[in-house]
């Protein structure tokens, strides 16, 4: 499966700070729970990547 492969899998995503000063992405799908903890600086890098991907996706939809 790759980034362009569509699936029918539904997932829930929660994002928030932990008591230990980390940023947690918590993903739940199909009975599986995946907590992913990041240092605040890493979380900011991820946020920048998400913004860049959103901008790129937006430019692709404007071309159509």
PDB file of N, CA and C in Angstrom:
ATOM      1  N   UNK A   1       0.855  -1.164   0.000  1.00  0.00           N
ATOM      2  CA  UNK A   1       0.000   0.000   0.000  1.00  0.00           C
ATOM      3  C   UNK A   1       0.903   1.230   0.000  1.00  0.00           C
ATOM      4  N   UNK A   2       0.549   2.203  -0.809  1.00  0.00           N
ATOM      5  CA  UNK A   2       1.323   3.430  -0.885  1.00  0.00           C
ATOM      6  C   UNK A   2       0.464   4.649  -0.596  1.00  0.00           C
ATOM      7  N   UNK A   3       1.061   5.796  -0.706  1.00  0.00           N
ATOM      8  CA  UNK A   3       0.388   7.055  -0.376  1.00  0.00           C
ATOM      9  C   UNK A   3      -0.817   7.310  -1.286  1.00  0.00           C
ATOM     10  N   UNK A   4      -0.782   6.782  -2.513  1.00  0.00           N
ATOM     11  CA  UNK A   4      -1.879   7.013  -3.454  1.00  0.00           C
ATOM     12  C   UNK A   4      -2.873   5.866  -3.534  1.00  0.00           C
ATOM     13  N   UNK A   5      -2.744   4.881  -2.661  1.00  0.00           N
ATOM     14  CA  UNK A   5      -3.661   3.743  -2.649  1.00  0.00           C
ATOM     15  C   UNK A   5      -4.854   4.063  -1.748  1.00  0.00           C
ATOM     16  N   UNK A   6      -6.047   4.034  -2.330  1.00  0.00           N
ATOM     17  CA  UNK A   6      -7.251   4.282  -1.541  1.00  0.00           C
ATOM     18  C   UNK A   6      -7.679   3.013  -0.825  1.00  0.00           C
ATOM     19  N   UNK A   7      -8.238   3.178   0.379  1.00  0.00           N
ATOM     20  CA  UNK A   7      -8.762   2.043   1.140  1.00  0.00           C
ATOM     21  C   UNK A   7     -10.089   2.434   1.774  1.00  0.00           C
ATOM     22  N   UNK A   8     -10.803   1.435   2.263  1.00  0.00           N
ATOM     23  CA  UNK A   8     -12.058   1.677   2.968  1.00  0.00           C
ATOM     24  C   UNK A   8     -11.867   1.658   4.481  1.00  0.00           C
ATOM     25  N   UNK A   9     -10.637   1.659   4.937  1.00  0.00           N
ATOM     26  CA  UNK A   9     -10.353   1.616   6.368  1.00  0.00           C
ATOM     27  C   UNK A   9     -10.671   2.966   6.992  1.00  0.00           C
ATOM     28  N   UNK A  10     -11.428   2.938   8.069  1.00  0.00           N
ATOM     29  CA  UNK A  10     -11.721   4.161   8.809  1.00  0.00           C
ATOM     30  C   UNK A  10     -10.841   4.202  10.044  1.00  0.00           C
ATOM     31  N   UNK A  11     -10.398   5.398  10.395  1.00  0.00           N
ATOM     32  CA  UNK A  11      -9.551   5.552  11.569  1.00  0.00           C
ATOM     33  C   UNK A  11      -9.903   6.844  12.289  1.00  0.00           C
ATOM     34  N   UNK A  12      -9.641   6.855  13.572  1.00  0.00           N
ATOM     35  CA  UNK A  12      -9.804   8.059  14.382  1.00  0.00           C
ATOM     36  C   UNK A  12      -8.414   8.551  14.760  1.00  0.00           C
ATOM     37  N   UNK A  13      -8.242   9.864  14.734  1.00  0.00           N
ATOM     38  CA  UNK A  13      -6.968  10.471  15.082  1.00  0.00           C
ATOM     39  C   UNK A  13      -7.189  11.501  16.177  1.00  0.00           C
ATOM     40  N   UNK A  14      -6.437  11.367  17.245  1.00  0.00           N
ATOM     41  CA  UNK A  14      -6.448  12.359  18.320  1.00  0.00           C
ATOM     42  C   UNK A  14      -5.031  12.894  18.459  1.00  0.00           C
ATOM     43  N   UNK A  15      -4.917  14.201  18.696  1.00  0.00           N
ATOM     44  CA  UNK A  15      -3.616  14.832  18.858  1.00  0.00           C
ATOM     45  C   UNK A  15      -3.653  15.682  20.116  1.00  0.00           C
ATOM     46  N   UNK A  16      -2.631  15.541  20.955  1.00  0.00           N
ATOM     47  CA  UNK A  16      -2.594  16.349  22.165  1.00  0.00           C
ATOM     48  C   UNK A  16      -1.301  16.168  22.929  1.00  0.00           C
ATOM     49  N   UNK A  17      -1.114  17.004  23.950  1.00  0.00           N
ATOM     50  CA  UNK A  17       0.087  16.895  24.774  1.00  0.00           C
ATOM     51  C   UNK A  17      -0.066  15.789  25.812  1.00  0.00           C
ATOM     52  N   UNK A  18       1.052  15.184  26.199  1.00  0.00           N
ATOM     53  CA  UNK A  18       1.043  14.195  27.268  1.00  0.00           C
ATOM     54  C   UNK A  18       1.526  14.854  28.560  1.00  0.00           C
ATOM     55  N   UNK A  19       1.319  14.166  29.660  1.00  0.00           N
ATOM     56  CA  UNK A  19       1.780  14.671  30.957  1.00  0.00           C
ATOM     57  C   UNK A  19       3.296  14.810  31.027  1.00  0.00           C
ATOM     58  N   UNK A  20       4.002  14.090  30.140  1.00  0.00           N
ATOM     59  CA  UNK A  20       5.464  14.125  30.174  1.00  0.00           C
ATOM     60  C   UNK A  20       6.065  15.126  29.188  1.00  0.00           C
ATOM     61  N   UNK A  21       5.220  15.994  28.612  1.00  0.00           N
ATOM     62  CA  UNK A  21       5.723  17.042  27.729  1.00  0.00           C
ATOM     63  C   UNK A  21       5.954  16.614  26.294  1.00  0.00           C
ATOM     64  N   UNK A  22       5.361  15.504  25.905  1.00  0.00           N
ATOM     65  CA  UNK A  22       5.462  15.038  24.523  1.00  0.00           C
ATOM     66  C   UNK A  22       4.175  15.402  23.795  1.00  0.00           C
ATOM     67  N   UNK A  23       4.215  15.326  22.489  1.00  0.00           N
ATOM     68  CA  UNK A  23       3.010  15.479  21.678  1.00  0.00           C
ATOM     69  C   UNK A  23       2.640  14.093  21.195  1.00  0.00           C
ATOM     70  N   UNK A  24       1.408  13.684  21.444  1.00  0.00           N
ATOM     71  CA  UNK A  24       0.978  12.339  21.059  1.00  0.00           C
ATOM     72  C   UNK A  24      -0.015  12.407  19.906  1.00  0.00           C
ATOM     73  N   UNK A  25       0.268  11.580  18.882  1.00  0.00           N
ATOM     74  CA  UNK A  25      -0.714  11.270  17.852  1.00  0.00           C
ATOM     75  C   UNK A  25      -1.256   9.904  18.230  1.00  0.00           C
ATOM     76  N   UNK A  26      -2.547   9.817  18.447  1.00  0.00           N
ATOM     77  CA  UNK A  26      -3.173   8.566  18.863  1.00  0.00           C
ATOM     78  C   UNK A  26      -4.121   8.145  17.760  1.00  0.00           C
ATOM     79  N   UNK A  27      -3.825   7.003  17.145  1.00  0.00           N
ATOM     80  CA  UNK A  27      -4.610   6.509  16.021  1.00  0.00           C
ATOM     81  C   UNK A  27      -5.306   5.227  16.443  1.00  0.00           C
ATOM     82  N   UNK A  28      -6.605   5.148  16.146  1.00  0.00           N
ATOM     83  CA  UNK A  28      -7.381   3.943  16.434  1.00  0.00           C
ATOM     84  C   UNK A  28      -8.063   3.529  15.143  1.00  0.00           C
ATOM     85  N   UNK A  29      -7.843   2.273  14.755  1.00  0.00           N
ATOM     86  CA  UNK A  29      -8.465   1.757  13.539  1.00  0.00           C
ATOM     87  C   UNK A  29      -8.629   0.249  13.670  1.00  0.00           C
ATOM     88  N   UNK A  30      -9.807  -0.211  13.393  1.00  0.00           N
ATOM     89  CA  UNK A  30     -10.057  -1.650  13.374  1.00  0.00           C
ATOM     90  C   UNK A  30      -9.679  -2.369  14.653  1.00  0.00           C
ATOM     91  N   UNK A  31      -9.904  -1.734  15.792  1.00  0.00           N
ATOM     92  CA  UNK A  31      -9.582  -2.350  17.065  1.00  0.00           C
ATOM     93  C   UNK A  31      -8.122  -2.206  17.479  1.00  0.00           C
ATOM     94  N   UNK A  32      -7.308  -1.633  16.624  1.00  0.00           N
ATOM     95  CA  UNK A  32      -5.898  -1.381  16.940  1.00  0.00           C
ATOM     96  C   UNK A  32      -5.737   0.043  17.458  1.00  0.00           C
ATOM     97  N   UNK A  33      -4.901   0.227  18.445  1.00  0.00           N
ATOM     98  CA  UNK A  33      -4.588   1.555  18.966  1.00  0.00           C
ATOM     99  C   UNK A  33      -3.097   1.793  18.803  1.00  0.00           C
ATOM    100  N   UNK A  34      -2.745   2.926  18.199  1.00  0.00           N
ATOM    101  CA  UNK A  34      -1.335   3.242  17.956  1.00  0.00           C
ATOM    102  C   UNK A  34      -1.026   4.613  18.548  1.00  0.00           C
ATOM    103  N   UNK A  35      -0.366   4.653  19.705  1.00  0.00           N
ATOM    104  CA  UNK A  35       0.075   5.933  20.255  1.00  0.00           C
ATOM    105  C   UNK A  35       1.483   6.234  19.734  1.00  0.00           C
ATOM    106  N   UNK A  36       1.668   7.424  19.201  1.00  0.00           N
ATOM    107  CA  UNK A  36       2.975   7.836  18.702  1.00  0.00           C
ATOM    108  C   UNK A  36       3.352   9.137  19.391  1.00  0.00           C
ATOM    109  N   UNK A  37       4.445   9.124  20.155  1.00  0.00           N
ATOM    110  CA  UNK A  37       4.883  10.293  20.912  1.00  0.00           C
ATOM    111  C   UNK A  37       6.068  10.964  20.230  1.00  0.00           C
ATOM    112  N   UNK A  38       6.047  12.300  20.244  1.00  0.00           N
ATOM    113  CA  UNK A  38       7.093  13.092  19.601  1.00  0.00           C
ATOM    114  C   UNK A  38       7.516  14.226  20.519  1.00  0.00           C
ATOM    115  N   UNK A  39       8.797  14.574  20.446  1.00  0.00           N
ATOM    116  CA  UNK A  39       9.266  15.785  21.101  1.00  0.00           C
ATOM    117  C   UNK A  39       8.562  16.969  20.432  1.00  0.00           C
ATOM    118  N   UNK A  40       8.344  18.073  21.151  1.00  0.00           N
ATOM    119  CA  UNK A  40       7.662  19.218  20.549  1.00  0.00           C
ATOM    120  C   UNK A  40       8.298  19.680  19.228  1.00  0.00           C
ATOM    121  N   UNK A  41       9.625  19.657  19.141  1.00  0.00           N
ATOM    122  CA  UNK A  41      10.295  20.080  17.909  1.00  0.00           C
ATOM    123  C   UNK A  41       9.966  19.140  16.755  1.00  0.00           C
ATOM    124  N   UNK A  42       9.913  17.842  17.034  1.00  0.00           N
ATOM    125  CA  UNK A  42       9.541  16.865  16.005  1.00  0.00           C
ATOM    126  C   UNK A  42       8.104  17.098  15.554  1.00  0.00           C
ATOM    127  N   UNK A  43       7.228  17.383  16.516  1.00  0.00           N
ATOM    128  CA  UNK A  43       5.826  17.631  16.187  1.00  0.00           C
ATOM    129  C   UNK A  43       5.691  18.861  15.291  1.00  0.00           C
ATOM    130  N   UNK A  44       6.502  19.880  15.545  1.00  0.00           N
ATOM    131  CA  UNK A  44       6.462  21.072  14.689  1.00  0.00           C
ATOM    132  C   UNK A  44       6.922  20.747  13.274  1.00  0.00           C
ATOM    133  N   UNK A  45       7.947  19.886  13.150  1.00  0.00           N
ATOM    134  CA  UNK A  45       8.402  19.456  11.823  1.00  0.00           C
ATOM    135  C   UNK A  45       7.305  18.688  11.095  1.00  0.00           C
ATOM    136  N   UNK A  46       6.607  17.829  11.816  1.00  0.00           N
ATOM    137  CA  UNK A  46       5.499  17.074  11.219  1.00  0.00           C
ATOM    138  C   UNK A  46       4.400  18.028  10.770  1.00  0.00           C
ATOM    139  N   UNK A  47       4.097  19.021  11.601  1.00  0.00           N
ATOM    140  CA  UNK A  47       3.073  20.005  11.242  1.00  0.00           C
ATOM    141  C   UNK A  47       3.468  20.750   9.964  1.00  0.00           C
ATOM    142  N   UNK A  48       4.740  21.092   9.828  1.00  0.00           N
ATOM    143  CA  UNK A  48       5.205  21.764   8.606  1.00  0.00           C
ATOM    144  C   UNK A  48       5.048  20.857   7.391  1.00  0.00           C
ATOM    145  N   UNK A  49       5.337  19.567   7.560  1.00  0.00           N
ATOM    146  CA  UNK A  49       5.169  18.621   6.458  1.00  0.00           C
ATOM    147  C   UNK A  49       3.703  18.493   6.065  1.00  0.00           C
ATOM    148  N   UNK A  50       2.811  18.494   7.053  1.00  0.00           N
ATOM    149  CA  UNK A  50       1.376  18.417   6.758  1.00  0.00           C
ATOM    150  C   UNK A  50       0.927  19.669   6.012  1.00  0.00           C
ATOM    151  N   UNK A  51       1.385  20.833   6.452  1.00  0.00           N
ATOM    152  CA  UNK A  51       1.034  22.084   5.755  1.00  0.00           C
ATOM    153  C   UNK A  51       1.537  22.064   4.309  1.00  0.00           C
ATOM    154  N   UNK A  52       2.780  21.611   4.103  1.00  0.00           N
ATOM    155  CA  UNK A  52       3.341  21.551   2.755  1.00  0.00           C
ATOM    156  C   UNK A  52       2.551  20.580   1.879  1.00  0.00           C
ATOM    157  N   UNK A  53       2.163  19.434   2.438  1.00  0.00           N
ATOM    158  CA  UNK A  53       1.375  18.461   1.681  1.00  0.00           C
ATOM    159  C   UNK A  53       0.000  19.025   1.334  1.00  0.00           C
ATOM    160  N   UNK A  54      -0.601  19.754   2.267  1.00  0.00           N
ATOM    161  CA  UNK A  54      -1.910  20.363   2.004  1.00  0.00           C
ATOM    162  C   UNK A  54      -1.797  21.395   0.885  1.00  0.00           C
ATOM    163  N   UNK A  55      -0.745  22.176   0.912  1.00  0.00           N
ATOM    164  CA  UNK A  55      -0.534  23.177  -0.141  1.00  0.00           C
ATOM    165  C   UNK A  55      -0.323  22.497  -1.498  1.00  0.00           C
ATOM    166  N   UNK A  56       0.466  21.431  -1.520  1.00  0.00           N
ATOM    167  CA  UNK A  56       0.695  20.697  -2.760  1.00  0.00           C
ATOM    168  C   UNK A  56      -0.602  20.068  -3.273  1.00  0.00           C
ATOM    169  N   UNK A  57      -1.390  19.494  -2.384  1.00  0.00           N
ATOM    170  CA  UNK A  57      -2.667  18.890  -2.778  1.00  0.00           C
ATOM    171  C   UNK A  57      -3.611  19.955  -3.305  1.00  0.00           C
ATOM    172  N   UNK A  58      -3.622  21.106  -2.663  1.00  0.00           N
ATOM    173  CA  UNK A  58      -4.478  22.211  -3.103  1.00  0.00           C
ATOM    174  C   UNK A  58      -4.092  22.639  -4.517  1.00  0.00           C
ATOM    175  N   UNK A  59      -2.801  22.717  -4.803  1.00  0.00           N
ATOM    176  CA  UNK A  59      -2.372  23.138  -6.139  1.00  0.00           C
ATOM    177  C   UNK A  59      -2.733  22.093  -7.189  1.00  0.00           C
ATOM    178  N   UNK A  60      -2.746  20.816  -6.819  1.00  0.00           N
ATOM    179  CA  UNK A  60      -3.147  19.770  -7.755  1.00  0.00           C
ATOM    180  C   UNK A  60      -4.635  19.868  -8.101  1.00  0.00           C
ATOM    181  N   UNK A  61      -5.467  20.179  -7.116  1.00  0.00           N
ATOM    182  CA  UNK A  61      -6.908  20.247  -7.371  1.00  0.00           C
ATOM    183  C   UNK A  61      -7.267  21.493  -8.166  1.00  0.00           C
ATOM    184  N   UNK A  62      -6.462  22.541  -8.092  1.00  0.00           N
ATOM    185  CA  UNK A  62      -6.730  23.761  -8.862  1.00  0.00           C
ATOM    186  C   UNK A  62      -6.435  23.557 -10.340  1.00  0.00           C
ATOM    187  N   UNK A  63      -5.549  22.621 -10.661  1.00  0.00           N
ATOM    188  CA  UNK A  63      -5.186  22.363 -12.060  1.00  0.00           C
ATOM    189  C   UNK A  63      -6.291  21.639 -12.805  1.00  0.00           C
ATOM    190  N   UNK A  64      -7.117  20.896 -12.082  1.00  0.00           N
ATOM    191  CA  UNK A  64      -8.148  20.054 -12.737  1.00  0.00           C
ATOM    192  C   UNK A  64      -9.328  20.866 -13.175  1.00  0.00           C
TER     193      UNK A  64
END
